[in-house]
Amino acid sequence: MVNKFNFFAIEVTRKISALNECVDRRFEAVDRQFEAVDRRFEAVEQRLDAVEQRLDAVEQRLDAVEQRLERIETDVAEIKDLLVKVLAKL
């Protein structure tokens, strides 16, 4: 009877050990997948940062264009005023 119990205990211990190893392997696989997802997320964040920097550069260029346009509009208005004065003298 003791031998049967010992054999049963040894078999249960072996199965528990095998299950623990299986769980460990699955945990390691999930951990590797998580790390891969984390790397992809970091890559996406880097791309997003690059896009934001490009957007900032475009906004700065747009501001510069708007300032130039305002200067051109001012110059055109001044030229128009001068033409009106010249034509009035004729």
N, C-alpha and C. Protein backbone atom coordinates (compact mmCIF):
# COMPACT_ATOMS: atom_id res chain seq x y z
N MET A 1 0.82 -1.19 0.00
CA MET A 1 0.00 0.00 0.00
C MET A 1 0.86 1.26 0.00
N VAL A 2 1.94 1.23 0.79
CA VAL A 2 2.82 2.39 0.86
C VAL A 2 3.50 2.60 -0.48
N ASN A 3 3.88 1.50 -1.14
CA ASN A 3 4.53 1.61 -2.45
C ASN A 3 3.60 2.25 -3.48
N LYS A 4 2.31 1.86 -3.44
CA LYS A 4 1.34 2.45 -4.36
C LYS A 4 1.20 3.94 -4.08
N PHE A 5 1.14 4.29 -2.80
CA PHE A 5 1.02 5.70 -2.44
C PHE A 5 2.26 6.47 -2.86
N ASN A 6 3.44 5.90 -2.62
CA ASN A 6 4.69 6.55 -3.03
C ASN A 6 4.74 6.72 -4.55
N PHE A 7 4.33 5.68 -5.26
CA PHE A 7 4.32 5.76 -6.71
C PHE A 7 3.35 6.85 -7.17
N PHE A 8 2.16 6.88 -6.54
CA PHE A 8 1.17 7.90 -6.87
C PHE A 8 1.71 9.30 -6.57
N ALA A 9 2.35 9.47 -5.41
CA ALA A 9 2.91 10.77 -5.03
C ALA A 9 4.01 11.19 -6.01
N ILE A 10 4.84 10.24 -6.40
CA ILE A 10 5.91 10.55 -7.36
C ILE A 10 5.30 10.96 -8.70
N GLU A 11 4.27 10.24 -9.13
CA GLU A 11 3.61 10.55 -10.41
C GLU A 11 2.94 11.93 -10.36
N VAL A 12 2.28 12.23 -9.25
CA VAL A 12 1.64 13.55 -9.10
C VAL A 12 2.70 14.65 -9.10
N THR A 13 3.79 14.41 -8.39
CA THR A 13 4.87 15.40 -8.35
C THR A 13 5.45 15.62 -9.74
N ARG A 14 5.62 14.54 -10.50
CA ARG A 14 6.15 14.65 -11.86
C ARG A 14 5.19 15.45 -12.75
N LYS A 15 3.90 15.17 -12.63
CA LYS A 15 2.92 15.89 -13.45
C LYS A 15 2.85 17.37 -13.06
N ILE A 16 2.91 17.65 -11.78
CA ILE A 16 2.91 19.05 -11.33
C ILE A 16 4.15 19.77 -11.85
N SER A 17 5.27 19.09 -11.80
CA SER A 17 6.51 19.67 -12.31
C SER A 17 6.40 19.94 -13.81
N ALA A 18 5.82 18.99 -14.54
CA ALA A 18 5.64 19.17 -15.99
C ALA A 18 4.70 20.34 -16.27
N LEU A 19 3.62 20.44 -15.48
CA LEU A 19 2.70 21.56 -15.65
C LEU A 19 3.38 22.89 -15.35
N ASN A 20 4.19 22.90 -14.29
CA ASN A 20 4.93 24.13 -13.96
C ASN A 20 5.85 24.55 -15.10
N GLU A 21 6.52 23.58 -15.70
CA GLU A 21 7.40 23.88 -16.83
C GLU A 21 6.60 24.42 -18.01
N CYS A 22 5.44 23.82 -18.24
CA CYS A 22 4.57 24.27 -19.33
C CYS A 22 4.10 25.71 -19.07
N VAL A 23 3.69 25.98 -17.85
CA VAL A 23 3.26 27.33 -17.49
C VAL A 23 4.41 28.31 -17.64
N ASP A 24 5.60 27.91 -17.20
CA ASP A 24 6.78 28.78 -17.35
C ASP A 24 7.06 29.08 -18.82
N ARG A 25 6.98 28.07 -19.68
CA ARG A 25 7.23 28.29 -21.11
C ARG A 25 6.18 29.23 -21.70
N ARG A 26 4.94 29.02 -21.33
CA ARG A 26 3.88 29.90 -21.84
C ARG A 26 4.06 31.32 -21.33
N PHE A 27 4.43 31.44 -20.07
CA PHE A 27 4.67 32.77 -19.51
C PHE A 27 5.80 33.46 -20.26
N GLU A 28 6.88 32.71 -20.52
CA GLU A 28 8.01 33.28 -21.26
C GLU A 28 7.59 33.69 -22.67
N ALA A 29 6.74 32.88 -23.30
CA ALA A 29 6.26 33.21 -24.65
C ALA A 29 5.43 34.49 -24.62
N VAL A 30 4.55 34.58 -23.63
CA VAL A 30 3.72 35.79 -23.50
C VAL A 30 4.61 36.99 -23.20
N ASP A 31 5.62 36.80 -22.38
CA ASP A 31 6.55 37.88 -22.05
C ASP A 31 7.28 38.35 -23.31
N ARG A 32 7.70 37.42 -24.15
CA ARG A 32 8.37 37.80 -25.41
C ARG A 32 7.42 38.56 -26.32
N GLN A 33 6.17 38.10 -26.37
CA GLN A 33 5.17 38.80 -27.19
C GLN A 33 4.94 40.21 -26.65
N PHE A 34 4.86 40.33 -25.34
CA PHE A 34 4.67 41.65 -24.74
C PHE A 34 5.84 42.56 -25.08
N GLU A 35 7.06 42.03 -24.99
CA GLU A 35 8.24 42.83 -25.32
C GLU A 35 8.21 43.25 -26.78
N ALA A 36 7.77 42.36 -27.66
CA ALA A 36 7.67 42.71 -29.08
C ALA A 36 6.64 43.82 -29.30
N VAL A 37 5.51 43.71 -28.63
CA VAL A 37 4.48 44.75 -28.73
C VAL A 37 5.02 46.06 -28.17
N ASP A 38 5.75 45.98 -27.08
CA ASP A 38 6.33 47.18 -26.47
C ASP A 38 7.31 47.85 -27.43
N ARG A 39 8.12 47.05 -28.11
CA ARG A 39 9.07 47.62 -29.10
C ARG A 39 8.31 48.28 -30.25
N ARG A 40 7.25 47.62 -30.70
CA ARG A 40 6.44 48.22 -31.78
C ARG A 40 5.80 49.52 -31.31
N PHE A 41 5.32 49.54 -30.09
CA PHE A 41 4.71 50.75 -29.55
C PHE A 41 5.73 51.88 -29.48
N GLU A 42 6.95 51.56 -29.03
CA GLU A 42 8.01 52.57 -28.98
C GLU A 42 8.33 53.09 -30.38
N ALA A 43 8.34 52.20 -31.37
CA ALA A 43 8.60 52.62 -32.75
C ALA A 43 7.49 53.55 -33.24
N VAL A 44 6.25 53.22 -32.90
CA VAL A 44 5.13 54.08 -33.29
C VAL A 44 5.25 55.44 -32.60
N GLU A 45 5.63 55.45 -31.33
CA GLU A 45 5.83 56.72 -30.62
C GLU A 45 6.91 57.56 -31.28
N GLN A 46 7.99 56.92 -31.69
CA GLN A 46 9.07 57.65 -32.36
C GLN A 46 8.58 58.24 -33.68
N ARG A 47 7.81 57.45 -34.42
CA ARG A 47 7.26 57.97 -35.68
C ARG A 47 6.31 59.13 -35.41
N LEU A 48 5.50 59.01 -34.37
CA LEU A 48 4.59 60.09 -34.02
C LEU A 48 5.36 61.35 -33.65
N ASP A 49 6.44 61.20 -32.89
CA ASP A 49 7.28 62.35 -32.55
C ASP A 49 7.84 63.00 -33.81
N ALA A 50 8.28 62.18 -34.76
CA ALA A 50 8.82 62.72 -36.02
C ALA A 50 7.73 63.46 -36.79
N VAL A 51 6.53 62.91 -36.81
CA VAL A 51 5.42 63.58 -37.50
C VAL A 51 5.09 64.91 -36.82
N GLU A 52 5.10 64.92 -35.49
CA GLU A 52 4.83 66.16 -34.76
C GLU A 52 5.89 67.21 -35.06
N GLN A 53 7.15 66.79 -35.15
CA GLN A 53 8.21 67.74 -35.49
C GLN A 53 8.01 68.30 -36.89
N ARG A 54 7.65 67.42 -37.83
CA ARG A 54 7.39 67.90 -39.20
C ARG A 54 6.21 68.86 -39.22
N LEU A 55 5.18 68.54 -38.44
CA LEU A 55 4.01 69.42 -38.37
C LEU A 55 4.40 70.78 -37.81
N ASP A 56 5.23 70.79 -36.77
CA ASP A 56 5.71 72.06 -36.22
C ASP A 56 6.47 72.86 -37.28
N ALA A 57 7.31 72.19 -38.05
CA ALA A 57 8.07 72.87 -39.11
C ALA A 57 7.12 73.44 -40.16
N VAL A 58 6.10 72.67 -40.53
CA VAL A 58 5.13 73.16 -41.51
C VAL A 58 4.38 74.36 -40.97
N GLU A 59 4.00 74.32 -39.70
CA GLU A 59 3.30 75.45 -39.08
C GLU A 59 4.19 76.69 -39.08
N GLN A 60 5.47 76.53 -38.80
CA GLN A 60 6.39 77.67 -38.83
C GLN A 60 6.49 78.24 -40.23
N ARG A 61 6.57 77.36 -41.23
CA ARG A 61 6.63 77.84 -42.62
C ARG A 61 5.34 78.57 -42.99
N LEU A 62 4.22 78.03 -42.55
CA LEU A 62 2.93 78.67 -42.82
C LEU A 62 2.87 80.05 -42.18
N ASP A 63 3.35 80.17 -40.95
CA ASP A 63 3.40 81.48 -40.29
C ASP A 63 4.25 82.46 -41.09
N ALA A 64 5.39 81.98 -41.58
CA ALA A 64 6.28 82.84 -42.37
C ALA A 64 5.59 83.28 -43.66
N VAL A 65 4.88 82.36 -44.30
CA VAL A 65 4.16 82.69 -45.54
C VAL A 65 3.06 83.71 -45.25
N GLU A 66 2.35 83.53 -44.15
CA GLU A 66 1.29 84.48 -43.77
C GLU A 66 1.87 85.87 -43.53
N GLN A 67 3.04 85.94 -42.87
CA GLN A 67 3.68 87.24 -42.64
C GLN A 67 4.08 87.89 -43.96
N ARG A 68 4.63 87.09 -44.87
CA ARG A 68 5.00 87.63 -46.19
C ARG A 68 3.77 88.13 -46.93
N LEU A 69 2.70 87.38 -46.85
CA LEU A 69 1.45 87.78 -47.51
C LEU A 69 0.94 89.09 -46.94
N GLU A 70 1.01 89.24 -45.63
CA GLU A 70 0.59 90.51 -45.01
C GLU A 70 1.45 91.66 -45.50
N ARG A 71 2.77 91.43 -45.61
CA ARG A 71 3.66 92.48 -46.11
C ARG A 71 3.33 92.83 -47.56
N ILE A 72 3.04 91.81 -48.36
CA ILE A 72 2.68 92.05 -49.76
C ILE A 72 1.38 92.85 -49.84
N GLU A 73 0.41 92.47 -49.03
CA GLU A 73 -0.86 93.21 -49.02
C GLU A 73 -0.65 94.66 -48.62
N THR A 74 0.22 94.89 -47.63
CA THR A 74 0.53 96.26 -47.21
C THR A 74 1.20 97.02 -48.35
N ASP A 75 2.17 96.38 -49.01
CA ASP A 75 2.86 97.02 -50.13
C ASP A 75 1.89 97.34 -51.26
N VAL A 76 0.99 96.42 -51.56
CA VAL A 76 0.00 96.65 -52.62
C VAL A 76 -0.90 97.83 -52.26
N ALA A 77 -1.31 97.90 -51.00
CA ALA A 77 -2.16 99.02 -50.57
C ALA A 77 -1.41 100.34 -50.69
N GLU A 78 -0.13 100.37 -50.31
CA GLU A 78 0.67 101.59 -50.44
C GLU A 78 0.83 101.99 -51.90
N ILE A 79 1.10 101.02 -52.76
CA ILE A 79 1.24 101.31 -54.20
C ILE A 79 -0.07 101.85 -54.76
N LYS A 80 -1.18 101.26 -54.34
CA LYS A 80 -2.49 101.72 -54.79
C LYS A 80 -2.71 103.17 -54.37
N ASP A 81 -2.38 103.49 -53.12
CA ASP A 81 -2.53 104.87 -52.64
C ASP A 81 -1.67 105.82 -53.45
N LEU A 82 -0.43 105.43 -53.74
CA LEU A 82 0.46 106.28 -54.54
C LEU A 82 -0.10 106.48 -55.94
N LEU A 83 -0.62 105.42 -56.54
CA LEU A 83 -1.20 105.54 -57.88
C LEU A 83 -2.40 106.48 -57.88
N VAL A 84 -3.22 106.38 -56.85
CA VAL A 84 -4.38 107.27 -56.74
C VAL A 84 -3.91 108.72 -56.65
N LYS A 85 -2.86 108.97 -55.86
CA LYS A 85 -2.34 110.34 -55.71
C LYS A 85 -1.75 110.84 -57.02
N VAL A 86 -1.01 109.97 -57.71
CA VAL A 86 -0.39 110.36 -58.99
C VAL A 86 -1.47 110.65 -60.02
N LEU A 87 -2.46 109.80 -60.08
CA LEU A 87 -3.54 110.01 -61.04
C LEU A 87 -4.36 111.25 -60.70
N ALA A 88 -4.47 111.56 -59.42
CA ALA A 88 -5.21 112.75 -59.01
C ALA A 88 -4.48 114.01 -59.45
N LYS A 89 -3.16 113.96 -59.51
CA LYS A 89 -2.37 115.13 -59.91
C LYS A 89 -2.38 115.31 -61.43
N LEU A 90 -2.71 114.30 -62.16
CA LEU A 90 -2.72 114.41 -63.62
C LEU A 90 -3.93 115.06 -64.12
